Amino acid sequence: MAFKFENLQVWQKALELTDEIDSLTKSSFPKEELFILTSQIKRAADSVVLNIAEGCTGQTNPVFKTFLGYSLRSAIEVVACLFIAKRRKISKEEDFHRLYDEYQSLCKMITA
């Protein structure tokens, strides 16, 4: 692997989850949400991955921690979007719970 972030389990998990969010939006979210909630949740999920990568590549530990903080906030934003989708009856209950649990696990990894 050419880049340091590729070896990080937290980055790998975030990358898997951004794919799951993408699949969820494609299968469940209605067209009228395309430029609203769909865009928001996908950008937040991608941001988790991107901030971990950006922070760890050639940076100092304090800078990396700063970027992990950005990642954590984006992960929390994904969870908030999941709540909105659940409340609007866009996503299935089981999808909400599965992704909620996965993001809870990811947040623990980010803060560890």
PDB file of N, CA and C in Angstrom:
ATOM      1  N   MET A   1       0.848  -1.191   0.000  1.00  0.00           N
ATOM      2  CA  MET A   1       0.000   0.000   0.000  1.00  0.00           C
ATOM      3  C   MET A   1       0.887   1.245   0.000  1.00  0.00           C
ATOM      4  N   ALA A   2       0.521   2.162  -0.833  1.00  0.00           N
ATOM      5  CA  ALA A   2       1.374   3.328  -1.062  1.00  0.00           C
ATOM      6  C   ALA A   2       1.199   4.427  -0.026  1.00  0.00           C
ATOM      7  N   PHE A   3       0.032   4.536   0.570  1.00  0.00           N
ATOM      8  CA  PHE A   3      -0.237   5.618   1.497  1.00  0.00           C
ATOM      9  C   PHE A   3      -0.495   5.069   2.895  1.00  0.00           C
ATOM     10  N   LYS A   4      -0.036   5.812   3.878  1.00  0.00           N
ATOM     11  CA  LYS A   4      -0.148   5.396   5.277  1.00  0.00           C
ATOM     12  C   LYS A   4      -1.599   5.126   5.693  1.00  0.00           C
ATOM     13  N   PHE A   5      -2.520   5.961   5.245  1.00  0.00           N
ATOM     14  CA  PHE A   5      -3.914   5.836   5.678  1.00  0.00           C
ATOM     15  C   PHE A   5      -4.555   4.528   5.230  1.00  0.00           C
ATOM     16  N   GLU A   6      -4.050   3.934   4.149  1.00  0.00           N
ATOM     17  CA  GLU A   6      -4.633   2.699   3.634  1.00  0.00           C
ATOM     18  C   GLU A   6      -4.526   1.544   4.631  1.00  0.00           C
ATOM     19  N   ASN A   7      -3.561   1.616   5.521  1.00  0.00           N
ATOM     20  CA  ASN A   7      -3.353   0.570   6.524  1.00  0.00           C
ATOM     21  C   ASN A   7      -4.188   0.769   7.781  1.00  0.00           C
ATOM     22  N   LEU A   8      -4.819   1.901   7.915  1.00  0.00           N
ATOM     23  CA  LEU A   8      -5.585   2.197   9.125  1.00  0.00           C
ATOM     24  C   LEU A   8      -6.943   1.507   9.093  1.00  0.00           C
ATOM     25  N   GLN A   9      -7.237   0.734  10.136  1.00  0.00           N
ATOM     26  CA  GLN A   9      -8.534   0.053  10.222  1.00  0.00           C
ATOM     27  C   GLN A   9      -9.685   1.050  10.253  1.00  0.00           C
ATOM     28  N   VAL A  10      -9.470   2.183  10.911  1.00  0.00           N
ATOM     29  CA  VAL A  10     -10.531   3.184  11.008  1.00  0.00           C
ATOM     30  C   VAL A  10     -10.864   3.744   9.622  1.00  0.00           C
ATOM     31  N   TRP A  11      -9.841   3.939   8.795  1.00  0.00           N
ATOM     32  CA  TRP A  11     -10.069   4.437   7.438  1.00  0.00           C
ATOM     33  C   TRP A  11     -10.796   3.389   6.609  1.00  0.00           C
ATOM     34  N   GLN A  12     -10.378   2.124   6.736  1.00  0.00           N
ATOM     35  CA  GLN A  12     -11.005   1.036   5.997  1.00  0.00           C
ATOM     36  C   GLN A  12     -12.480   0.891   6.369  1.00  0.00           C
ATOM     37  N   LYS A  13     -12.779   0.998   7.667  1.00  0.00           N
ATOM     38  CA  LYS A  13     -14.178   0.905   8.118  1.00  0.00           C
ATOM     39  C   LYS A  13     -14.986   2.090   7.591  1.00  0.00           C
ATOM     40  N   ALA A  14     -14.426   3.281   7.642  1.00  0.00           N
ATOM     41  CA  ALA A  14     -15.119   4.465   7.134  1.00  0.00           C
ATOM     42  C   ALA A  14     -15.390   4.333   5.640  1.00  0.00           C
ATOM     43  N   LEU A  15     -14.440   3.758   4.914  1.00  0.00           N
ATOM     44  CA  LEU A  15     -14.608   3.561   3.473  1.00  0.00           C
ATOM     45  C   LEU A  15     -15.738   2.569   3.194  1.00  0.00           C
ATOM     46  N   GLU A  16     -15.805   1.491   3.967  1.00  0.00           N
ATOM     47  CA  GLU A  16     -16.902   0.528   3.823  1.00  0.00           C
ATOM     48  C   GLU A  16     -18.248   1.194   4.108  1.00  0.00           C
ATOM     49  N   LEU A  17     -18.281   2.017   5.144  1.00  0.00           N
ATOM     50  CA  LEU A  17     -19.547   2.653   5.524  1.00  0.00           C
ATOM     51  C   LEU A  17     -20.001   3.691   4.502  1.00  0.00           C
ATOM     52  N   THR A  18     -19.065   4.385   3.876  1.00  0.00           N
ATOM     53  CA  THR A  18     -19.496   5.355   2.872  1.00  0.00           C
ATOM     54  C   THR A  18     -20.122   4.632   1.687  1.00  0.00           C
ATOM     55  N   ASP A  19     -19.635   3.420   1.390  1.00  0.00           N
ATOM     56  CA  ASP A  19     -20.269   2.612   0.343  1.00  0.00           C
ATOM     57  C   ASP A  19     -21.674   2.181   0.757  1.00  0.00           C
ATOM     58  N   GLU A  20     -21.829   1.835   2.027  1.00  0.00           N
ATOM     59  CA  GLU A  20     -23.155   1.431   2.517  1.00  0.00           C
ATOM     60  C   GLU A  20     -24.146   2.597   2.475  1.00  0.00           C
ATOM     61  N   ILE A  21     -23.672   3.787   2.822  1.00  0.00           N
ATOM     62  CA  ILE A  21     -24.529   4.976   2.746  1.00  0.00           C
ATOM     63  C   ILE A  21     -24.922   5.236   1.302  1.00  0.00           C
ATOM     64  N   ASP A  22     -23.976   5.111   0.388  1.00  0.00           N
ATOM     65  CA  ASP A  22     -24.261   5.308  -1.030  1.00  0.00           C
ATOM     66  C   ASP A  22     -25.322   4.317  -1.508  1.00  0.00           C
ATOM     67  N   SER A  23     -25.173   3.060  -1.134  1.00  0.00           N
ATOM     68  CA  SER A  23     -26.155   2.037  -1.515  1.00  0.00           C
ATOM     69  C   SER A  23     -27.531   2.330  -0.926  1.00  0.00           C
ATOM     70  N   LEU A  24     -27.549   2.751   0.341  1.00  0.00           N
ATOM     71  CA  LEU A  24     -28.817   3.078   0.987  1.00  0.00           C
ATOM     72  C   LEU A  24     -29.534   4.207   0.256  1.00  0.00           C
ATOM     73  N   THR A  25     -28.800   5.251  -0.083  1.00  0.00           N
ATOM     74  CA  THR A  25     -29.447   6.390  -0.751  1.00  0.00           C
ATOM     75  C   THR A  25     -29.953   6.005  -2.130  1.00  0.00           C
ATOM     76  N   LYS A  26     -29.218   5.142  -2.810  1.00  0.00           N
ATOM     77  CA  LYS A  26     -29.652   4.722  -4.148  1.00  0.00           C
ATOM     78  C   LYS A  26     -30.877   3.817  -4.096  1.00  0.00           C
ATOM     79  N   SER A  27     -30.987   3.031  -3.041  1.00  0.00           N
ATOM     80  CA  SER A  27     -32.091   2.077  -2.974  1.00  0.00           C
ATOM     81  C   SER A  27     -33.325   2.611  -2.250  1.00  0.00           C
ATOM     82  N   SER A  28     -33.147   3.567  -1.348  1.00  0.00           N
ATOM     83  CA  SER A  28     -34.261   3.972  -0.489  1.00  0.00           C
ATOM     84  C   SER A  28     -34.678   5.429  -0.605  1.00  0.00           C
ATOM     85  N   PHE A  29     -33.759   6.318  -0.891  1.00  0.00           N
ATOM     86  CA  PHE A  29     -34.081   7.739  -0.835  1.00  0.00           C
ATOM     87  C   PHE A  29     -34.804   8.179  -2.102  1.00  0.00           C
ATOM     88  N   PRO A  30     -35.888   8.935  -1.944  1.00  0.00           N
ATOM     89  CA  PRO A  30     -36.657   9.389  -3.113  1.00  0.00           C
ATOM     90  C   PRO A  30     -35.931  10.507  -3.881  1.00  0.00           C
ATOM     91  N   LYS A  31     -36.313  10.659  -5.120  1.00  0.00           N
ATOM     92  CA  LYS A  31     -35.692  11.666  -5.995  1.00  0.00           C
ATOM     93  C   LYS A  31     -35.794  13.080  -5.421  1.00  0.00           C
ATOM     94  N   GLU A  32     -36.898  13.375  -4.728  1.00  0.00           N
ATOM     95  CA  GLU A  32     -37.056  14.741  -4.201  1.00  0.00           C
ATOM     96  C   GLU A  32     -36.043  15.074  -3.109  1.00  0.00           C
ATOM     97  N   GLU A  33     -35.370  14.062  -2.576  1.00  0.00           N
ATOM     98  CA  GLU A  33     -34.331  14.291  -1.568  1.00  0.00           C
ATOM     99  C   GLU A  33     -32.925  14.365  -2.173  1.00  0.00           C
ATOM    100  N   LEU A  34     -32.823  14.214  -3.499  1.00  0.00           N
ATOM    101  CA  LEU A  34     -31.523  14.117  -4.163  1.00  0.00           C
ATOM    102  C   LEU A  34     -30.579  15.273  -3.811  1.00  0.00           C
ATOM    103  N   PHE A  35     -31.071  16.487  -3.837  1.00  0.00           N
ATOM    104  CA  PHE A  35     -30.218  17.641  -3.573  1.00  0.00           C
ATOM    105  C   PHE A  35     -30.350  18.143  -2.136  1.00  0.00           C
ATOM    106  N   ILE A  36     -31.011  17.359  -1.303  1.00  0.00           N
ATOM    107  CA  ILE A  36     -31.207  17.746   0.092  1.00  0.00           C
ATOM    108  C   ILE A  36     -30.537  16.698   0.966  1.00  0.00           C
ATOM    109  N   LEU A  37     -31.310  15.793   1.509  1.00  0.00           N
ATOM    110  CA  LEU A  37     -30.794  14.820   2.465  1.00  0.00           C
ATOM    111  C   LEU A  37     -29.814  13.836   1.818  1.00  0.00           C
ATOM    112  N   THR A  38     -30.095  13.382   0.616  1.00  0.00           N
ATOM    113  CA  THR A  38     -29.192  12.445  -0.061  1.00  0.00           C
ATOM    114  C   THR A  38     -27.809  13.051  -0.215  1.00  0.00           C
ATOM    115  N   SER A  39     -27.760  14.251  -0.723  1.00  0.00           N
ATOM    116  CA  SER A  39     -26.482  14.931  -0.904  1.00  0.00           C
ATOM    117  C   SER A  39     -25.764  15.139   0.427  1.00  0.00           C
ATOM    118  N   GLN A  40     -26.498  15.536   1.431  1.00  0.00           N
ATOM    119  CA  GLN A  40     -25.915  15.837   2.745  1.00  0.00           C
ATOM    120  C   GLN A  40     -25.298  14.599   3.389  1.00  0.00           C
ATOM    121  N   ILE A  41     -26.043  13.492   3.406  1.00  0.00           N
ATOM    122  CA  ILE A  41     -25.551  12.292   4.077  1.00  0.00           C
ATOM    123  C   ILE A  41     -24.364  11.690   3.319  1.00  0.00           C
ATOM    124  N   LYS A  42     -24.400  11.752   1.986  1.00  0.00           N
ATOM    125  CA  LYS A  42     -23.283  11.220   1.201  1.00  0.00           C
ATOM    126  C   LYS A  42     -22.025  12.072   1.379  1.00  0.00           C
ATOM    127  N   ARG A  43     -22.181  13.367   1.405  1.00  0.00           N
ATOM    128  CA  ARG A  43     -21.020  14.244   1.616  1.00  0.00           C
ATOM    129  C   ARG A  43     -20.431  14.056   3.000  1.00  0.00           C
ATOM    130  N   ALA A  44     -21.289  13.897   4.007  1.00  0.00           N
ATOM    131  CA  ALA A  44     -20.802  13.683   5.374  1.00  0.00           C
ATOM    132  C   ALA A  44     -20.070  12.346   5.487  1.00  0.00           C
ATOM    133  N   ALA A  45     -20.619  11.292   4.901  1.00  0.00           N
ATOM    134  CA  ALA A  45     -19.974   9.973   4.947  1.00  0.00           C
ATOM    135  C   ALA A  45     -18.628  10.007   4.224  1.00  0.00           C
ATOM    136  N   ASP A  46     -18.587  10.660   3.072  1.00  0.00           N
ATOM    137  CA  ASP A  46     -17.321  10.795   2.344  1.00  0.00           C
ATOM    138  C   ASP A  46     -16.311  11.615   3.138  1.00  0.00           C
ATOM    139  N   SER A  47     -16.781  12.628   3.822  1.00  0.00           N
ATOM    140  CA  SER A  47     -15.911  13.504   4.610  1.00  0.00           C
ATOM    141  C   SER A  47     -15.183  12.754   5.717  1.00  0.00           C
ATOM    142  N   VAL A  48     -15.827  11.760   6.301  1.00  0.00           N
ATOM    143  CA  VAL A  48     -15.177  10.953   7.335  1.00  0.00           C
ATOM    144  C   VAL A  48     -13.924  10.315   6.745  1.00  0.00           C
ATOM    145  N   VAL A  49     -14.083   9.671   5.605  1.00  0.00           N
ATOM    146  CA  VAL A  49     -12.979   8.982   4.932  1.00  0.00           C
ATOM    147  C   VAL A  49     -11.882   9.976   4.533  1.00  0.00           C
ATOM    148  N   LEU A  50     -12.300  11.066   3.931  1.00  0.00           N
ATOM    149  CA  LEU A  50     -11.338  12.035   3.405  1.00  0.00           C
ATOM    150  C   LEU A  50     -10.532  12.716   4.508  1.00  0.00           C
ATOM    151  N   ASN A  51     -11.169  13.039   5.618  1.00  0.00           N
ATOM    152  CA  ASN A  51     -10.441  13.698   6.709  1.00  0.00           C
ATOM    153  C   ASN A  51      -9.449  12.767   7.391  1.00  0.00           C
ATOM    154  N   ILE A  52      -9.782  11.490   7.514  1.00  0.00           N
ATOM    155  CA  ILE A  52      -8.823  10.545   8.082  1.00  0.00           C
ATOM    156  C   ILE A  52      -7.601  10.460   7.174  1.00  0.00           C
ATOM    157  N   ALA A  53      -7.836  10.327   5.883  1.00  0.00           N
ATOM    158  CA  ALA A  53      -6.729  10.239   4.926  1.00  0.00           C
ATOM    159  C   ALA A  53      -5.890  11.505   4.928  1.00  0.00           C
ATOM    160  N   GLU A  54      -6.541  12.645   4.864  1.00  0.00           N
ATOM    161  CA  GLU A  54      -5.812  13.914   4.813  1.00  0.00           C
ATOM    162  C   GLU A  54      -5.007  14.151   6.077  1.00  0.00           C
ATOM    163  N   GLY A  55      -5.574  13.802   7.209  1.00  0.00           N
ATOM    164  CA  GLY A  55      -4.904  14.066   8.479  1.00  0.00           C
ATOM    165  C   GLY A  55      -3.698  13.201   8.745  1.00  0.00           C
ATOM    166  N   CYS A  56      -3.697  11.983   8.266  1.00  0.00           N
ATOM    167  CA  CYS A  56      -2.603  11.082   8.630  1.00  0.00           C
ATOM    168  C   CYS A  56      -1.438  11.118   7.656  1.00  0.00           C
ATOM    169  N   THR A  57      -1.622  11.664   6.506  1.00  0.00           N
ATOM    170  CA  THR A  57      -0.579  11.627   5.493  1.00  0.00           C
ATOM    171  C   THR A  57       0.409  12.774   5.677  1.00  0.00           C
ATOM    172  N   GLY A  58       1.555  12.421   6.238  1.00  0.00           N
ATOM    173  CA  GLY A  58       2.637  13.393   6.390  1.00  0.00           C
ATOM    174  C   GLY A  58       2.383  14.490   7.401  1.00  0.00           C
ATOM    175  N   GLN A  59       1.512  14.242   8.345  1.00  0.00           N
ATOM    176  CA  GLN A  59       1.174  15.263   9.326  1.00  0.00           C
ATOM    177  C   GLN A  59       1.718  14.893  10.700  1.00  0.00           C
ATOM    178  N   THR A  60       1.754  15.855  11.579  1.00  0.00           N
ATOM    179  CA  THR A  60       2.138  15.608  12.960  1.00  0.00           C
ATOM    180  C   THR A  60       0.960  15.002  13.709  1.00  0.00           C
ATOM    181  N   ASN A  61       1.229  14.431  14.873  1.00  0.00           N
ATOM    182  CA  ASN A  61       0.140  13.848  15.669  1.00  0.00           C
ATOM    183  C   ASN A  61      -0.930  14.867  16.044  1.00  0.00           C
ATOM    184  N   PRO A  62      -0.564  16.092  16.477  1.00  0.00           N
ATOM    185  CA  PRO A  62      -1.615  17.076  16.779  1.00  0.00           C
ATOM    186  C   PRO A  62      -2.484  17.423  15.559  1.00  0.00           C
ATOM    187  N   VAL A  63      -1.874  17.497  14.386  1.00  0.00           N
ATOM    188  CA  VAL A  63      -2.646  17.788  13.178  1.00  0.00           C
ATOM    189  C   VAL A  63      -3.560  16.612  12.857  1.00  0.00           C
ATOM    190  N   PHE A  64      -3.042  15.400  13.002  1.00  0.00           N
ATOM    191  CA  PHE A  64      -3.855  14.210  12.763  1.00  0.00           C
ATOM    192  C   PHE A  64      -5.058  14.183  13.697  1.00  0.00           C
ATOM    193  N   LYS A  65      -4.844  14.531  14.964  1.00  0.00           N
ATOM    194  CA  LYS A  65      -5.950  14.562  15.933  1.00  0.00           C
ATOM    195  C   LYS A  65      -7.004  15.587  15.534  1.00  0.00           C
ATOM    196  N   THR A  66      -6.552  16.705  14.984  1.00  0.00           N
ATOM    197  CA  THR A  66      -7.491  17.724  14.518  1.00  0.00           C
ATOM    198  C   THR A  66      -8.374  17.163  13.409  1.00  0.00           C
ATOM    199  N   PHE A  67      -7.752  16.477  12.458  1.00  0.00           N
ATOM    200  CA  PHE A  67      -8.513  15.902  11.352  1.00  0.00           C
ATOM    201  C   PHE A  67      -9.412  14.759  11.814  1.00  0.00           C
ATOM    202  N   LEU A  68      -8.964  14.008  12.826  1.00  0.00           N
ATOM    203  CA  LEU A  68      -9.837  12.988  13.399  1.00  0.00           C
ATOM    204  C   LEU A  68     -11.070  13.631  14.026  1.00  0.00           C
ATOM    205  N   GLY A  69     -10.879  14.814  14.612  1.00  0.00           N
ATOM    206  CA  GLY A  69     -12.016  15.566  15.156  1.00  0.00           C
ATOM    207  C   GLY A  69     -13.004  15.948  14.071  1.00  0.00           C
ATOM    208  N   TYR A  70     -12.476  16.378  12.914  1.00  0.00           N
ATOM    209  CA  TYR A  70     -13.362  16.688  11.782  1.00  0.00           C
ATOM    210  C   TYR A  70     -14.109  15.433  11.336  1.00  0.00           C
ATOM    211  N   SER A  71     -13.383  14.320  11.303  1.00  0.00           N
ATOM    212  CA  SER A  71     -13.984  13.046  10.919  1.00  0.00           C
ATOM    213  C   SER A  71     -15.103  12.657  11.868  1.00  0.00           C
ATOM    214  N   LEU A  72     -14.847  12.811  13.147  1.00  0.00           N
ATOM    215  CA  LEU A  72     -15.847  12.469  14.158  1.00  0.00           C
ATOM    216  C   LEU A  72     -17.107  13.308  13.978  1.00  0.00           C
ATOM    217  N   ARG A  73     -16.934  14.590  13.759  1.00  0.00           N
ATOM    218  CA  ARG A  73     -18.097  15.459  13.568  1.00  0.00           C
ATOM    219  C   ARG A  73     -18.887  15.072  12.316  1.00  0.00           C
ATOM    220  N   SER A  74     -18.178  14.685  11.260  1.00  0.00           N
ATOM    221  CA  SER A  74     -18.872  14.240  10.047  1.00  0.00           C
ATOM    222  C   SER A  74     -19.616  12.934  10.284  1.00  0.00           C
ATOM    223  N   ALA A  75     -19.032  12.032  11.071  1.00  0.00           N
ATOM    224  CA  ALA A  75     -19.707  10.778  11.394  1.00  0.00           C
ATOM    225  C   ALA A  75     -20.989  11.047  12.181  1.00  0.00           C
ATOM    226  N   ILE A  76     -20.923  11.983  13.112  1.00  0.00           N
ATOM    227  CA  ILE A  76     -22.113  12.363  13.887  1.00  0.00           C
ATOM    228  C   ILE A  76     -23.161  12.990  12.961  1.00  0.00           C
ATOM    229  N   GLU A  77     -22.712  13.729  11.961  1.00  0.00           N
ATOM    230  CA  GLU A  77     -23.638  14.304  10.986  1.00  0.00           C
ATOM    231  C   GLU A  77     -24.358  13.202  10.205  1.00  0.00           C
ATOM    232  N   VAL A  78     -23.639  12.148   9.848  1.00  0.00           N
ATOM    233  CA  VAL A  78     -24.277  11.011   9.170  1.00  0.00           C
ATOM    234  C   VAL A  78     -25.372  10.428  10.061  1.00  0.00           C
ATOM    235  N   VAL A  79     -25.066  10.245  11.335  1.00  0.00           N
ATOM    236  CA  VAL A  79     -26.054   9.689  12.267  1.00  0.00           C
ATOM    237  C   VAL A  79     -27.278  10.603  12.350  1.00  0.00           C
ATOM    238  N   ALA A  80     -27.061  11.895  12.406  1.00  0.00           N
ATOM    239  CA  ALA A  80     -28.187  12.833  12.448  1.00  0.00           C
ATOM    240  C   ALA A  80     -29.026  12.722  11.171  1.00  0.00           C
ATOM    241  N   CYS A  81     -28.363  12.562  10.032  1.00  0.00           N
ATOM    242  CA  CYS A  81     -29.093  12.373   8.773  1.00  0.00           C
ATOM    243  C   CYS A  81     -29.887  11.070   8.789  1.00  0.00           C
ATOM    244  N   LEU A  82     -29.322  10.033   9.399  1.00  0.00           N
ATOM    245  CA  LEU A  82     -30.052   8.770   9.524  1.00  0.00           C
ATOM    246  C   LEU A  82     -31.328   8.955  10.340  1.00  0.00           C
ATOM    247  N   PHE A  83     -31.243   9.757  11.401  1.00  0.00           N
ATOM    248  CA  PHE A  83     -32.438  10.043  12.200  1.00  0.00           C
ATOM    249  C   PHE A  83     -33.487  10.776  11.374  1.00  0.00           C
ATOM    250  N   ILE A  84     -33.042  11.736  10.570  1.00  0.00           N
ATOM    251  CA  ILE A  84     -33.985  12.475   9.723  1.00  0.00           C
ATOM    252  C   ILE A  84     -34.640  11.529   8.727  1.00  0.00           C
ATOM    253  N   ALA A  85     -33.832  10.662   8.108  1.00  0.00           N
ATOM    254  CA  ALA A  85     -34.374   9.706   7.131  1.00  0.00           C
ATOM    255  C   ALA A  85     -35.376   8.759   7.789  1.00  0.00           C
ATOM    256  N   LYS A  86     -35.071   8.335   8.993  1.00  0.00           N
ATOM    257  CA  LYS A  86     -35.990   7.456   9.728  1.00  0.00           C
ATOM    258  C   LYS A  86     -37.285   8.197  10.040  1.00  0.00           C
ATOM    259  N   ARG A  87     -37.162   9.418  10.491  1.00  0.00           N
ATOM    260  CA  ARG A  87     -38.331  10.213  10.872  1.00  0.00           C
ATOM    261  C   ARG A  87     -39.228  10.513   9.666  1.00  0.00           C
ATOM    262  N   ARG A  88     -38.590  10.713   8.502  1.00  0.00           N
ATOM    263  CA  ARG A  88     -39.348  10.974   7.272  1.00  0.00           C
ATOM    264  C   ARG A  88     -39.813   9.687   6.603  1.00  0.00           C
ATOM    265  N   LYS A  89     -39.518   8.560   7.243  1.00  0.00           N
ATOM    266  CA  LYS A  89     -39.901   7.241   6.743  1.00  0.00           C
ATOM    267  C   LYS A  89     -39.279   6.947   5.377  1.00  0.00           C
ATOM    268  N   ILE A  90     -38.043   7.420   5.218  1.00  0.00           N
ATOM    269  CA  ILE A  90     -37.294   7.185   3.984  1.00  0.00           C
ATOM    270  C   ILE A  90     -36.522   5.870   4.081  1.00  0.00           C
ATOM    271  N   SER A  91     -35.935   5.623   5.231  1.00  0.00           N
ATOM    272  CA  SER A  91     -35.148   4.396   5.393  1.00  0.00           C
ATOM    273  C   SER A  91     -35.888   3.399   6.276  1.00  0.00           C
ATOM    274  N   LYS A  92     -35.578   2.140   6.077  1.00  0.00           N
ATOM    275  CA  LYS A  92     -36.183   1.082   6.863  1.00  0.00           C
ATOM    276  C   LYS A  92     -35.596   1.087   8.265  1.00  0.00           C
ATOM    277  N   GLU A  93     -36.389   0.632   9.196  1.00  0.00           N
ATOM    278  CA  GLU A  93     -35.970   0.573  10.600  1.00  0.00           C
ATOM    279  C   GLU A  93     -34.688  -0.244  10.768  1.00  0.00           C
ATOM    280  N   GLU A  94     -34.605  -1.384  10.090  1.00  0.00           N
ATOM    281  CA  GLU A  94     -33.413  -2.227  10.232  1.00  0.00           C
ATOM    282  C   GLU A  94     -32.171  -1.580   9.629  1.00  0.00           C
ATOM    283  N   ASP A  95     -32.333  -0.820   8.533  1.00  0.00           N
ATOM    284  CA  ASP A  95     -31.199  -0.090   7.965  1.00  0.00           C
ATOM    285  C   ASP A  95     -30.720   0.980   8.932  1.00  0.00           C
ATOM    286  N   PHE A  96     -31.672   1.679   9.539  1.00  0.00           N
ATOM    287  CA  PHE A  96     -31.311   2.703  10.516  1.00  0.00           C
ATOM    288  C   PHE A  96     -30.495   2.092  11.649  1.00  0.00           C
ATOM    289  N   HIS A  97     -30.994   1.030  12.251  1.00  0.00           N
ATOM    290  CA  HIS A  97     -30.321   0.435  13.407  1.00  0.00           C
ATOM    291  C   HIS A  97     -28.952  -0.136  13.047  1.00  0.00           C
ATOM    292  N   ARG A  98     -28.872  -0.780  11.898  1.00  0.00           N
ATOM    293  CA  ARG A  98     -27.595  -1.351  11.468  1.00  0.00           C
ATOM    294  C   ARG A  98     -26.543  -0.254  11.260  1.00  0.00           C
ATOM    295  N   LEU A  99     -26.924   0.784  10.533  1.00  0.00           N
ATOM    296  CA  LEU A  99     -25.967   1.862  10.268  1.00  0.00           C
ATOM    297  C   LEU A  99     -25.682   2.694  11.514  1.00  0.00           C
ATOM    298  N   TYR A 100     -26.687   2.884  12.344  1.00  0.00           N
ATOM    299  CA  TYR A 100     -26.479   3.577  13.622  1.00  0.00           C
ATOM    300  C   TYR A 100     -25.407   2.842  14.430  1.00  0.00           C
ATOM    301  N   ASP A 101     -25.540   1.523  14.550  1.00  0.00           N
ATOM    302  CA  ASP A 101     -24.568   0.725  15.300  1.00  0.00           C
ATOM    303  C   ASP A 101     -23.179   0.777  14.666  1.00  0.00           C
ATOM    304  N   GLU A 102     -23.138   0.720  13.343  1.00  0.00           N
ATOM    305  CA  GLU A 102     -21.847   0.783  12.639  1.00  0.00           C
ATOM    306  C   GLU A 102     -21.166   2.131  12.856  1.00  0.00           C
ATOM    307  N   TYR A 103     -21.931   3.209  12.804  1.00  0.00           N
ATOM    308  CA  TYR A 103     -21.335   4.536  13.017  1.00  0.00           C
ATOM    309  C   TYR A 103     -20.960   4.749  14.479  1.00  0.00           C
ATOM    310  N   GLN A 104     -21.695   4.147  15.386  1.00  0.00           N
ATOM    311  CA  GLN A 104     -21.317   4.212  16.796  1.00  0.00           C
ATOM    312  C   GLN A 104     -19.963   3.534  16.991  1.00  0.00           C
ATOM    313  N   SER A 105     -19.782   2.393  16.370  1.00  0.00           N
ATOM    314  CA  SER A 105     -18.515   1.668  16.415  1.00  0.00           C
ATOM    315  C   SER A 105     -17.393   2.486  15.783  1.00  0.00           C
ATOM    316  N   LEU A 106     -17.681   3.102  14.643  1.00  0.00           N
ATOM    317  CA  LEU A 106     -16.686   3.934  13.960  1.00  0.00           C
ATOM    318  C   LEU A 106     -16.281   5.121  14.839  1.00  0.00           C
ATOM    319  N   CYS A 107     -17.237   5.759  15.484  1.00  0.00           N
ATOM    320  CA  CYS A 107     -16.936   6.896  16.354  1.00  0.00           C
ATOM    321  C   CYS A 107     -16.021   6.479  17.504  1.00  0.00           C
ATOM    322  N   LYS A 108     -16.250   5.288  18.035  1.00  0.00           N
ATOM    323  CA  LYS A 108     -15.365   4.778  19.092  1.00  0.00           C
ATOM    324  C   LYS A 108     -13.957   4.570  18.558  1.00  0.00           C
ATOM    325  N   MET A 109     -13.854   4.074  17.339  1.00  0.00           N
ATOM    326  CA  MET A 109     -12.536   3.869  16.731  1.00  0.00           C
ATOM    327  C   MET A 109     -11.821   5.208  16.521  1.00  0.00           C
ATOM    328  N   ILE A 110     -12.562   6.197  16.081  1.00  0.00           N
ATOM    329  CA  ILE A 110     -11.971   7.520  15.821  1.00  0.00           C
ATOM    330  C   ILE A 110     -11.445   8.144  17.114  1.00  0.00           C
ATOM    331  N   THR A 111     -12.182   7.970  18.181  1.00  0.00           N
ATOM    332  CA  THR A 111     -11.793   8.608  19.459  1.00  0.00           C
ATOM    333  C   THR A 111     -10.794   7.787  20.262  1.00  0.00           C
ATOM    334  N   ALA A 112     -10.549   6.547  19.851  1.00  0.00           N
ATOM    335  CA  ALA A 112      -9.610   5.686  20.608  1.00  0.00           C
ATOM    336  C   ALA A 112      -8.160   6.113  20.386  1.00  0.00           C
TER     337      ALA A 112
END
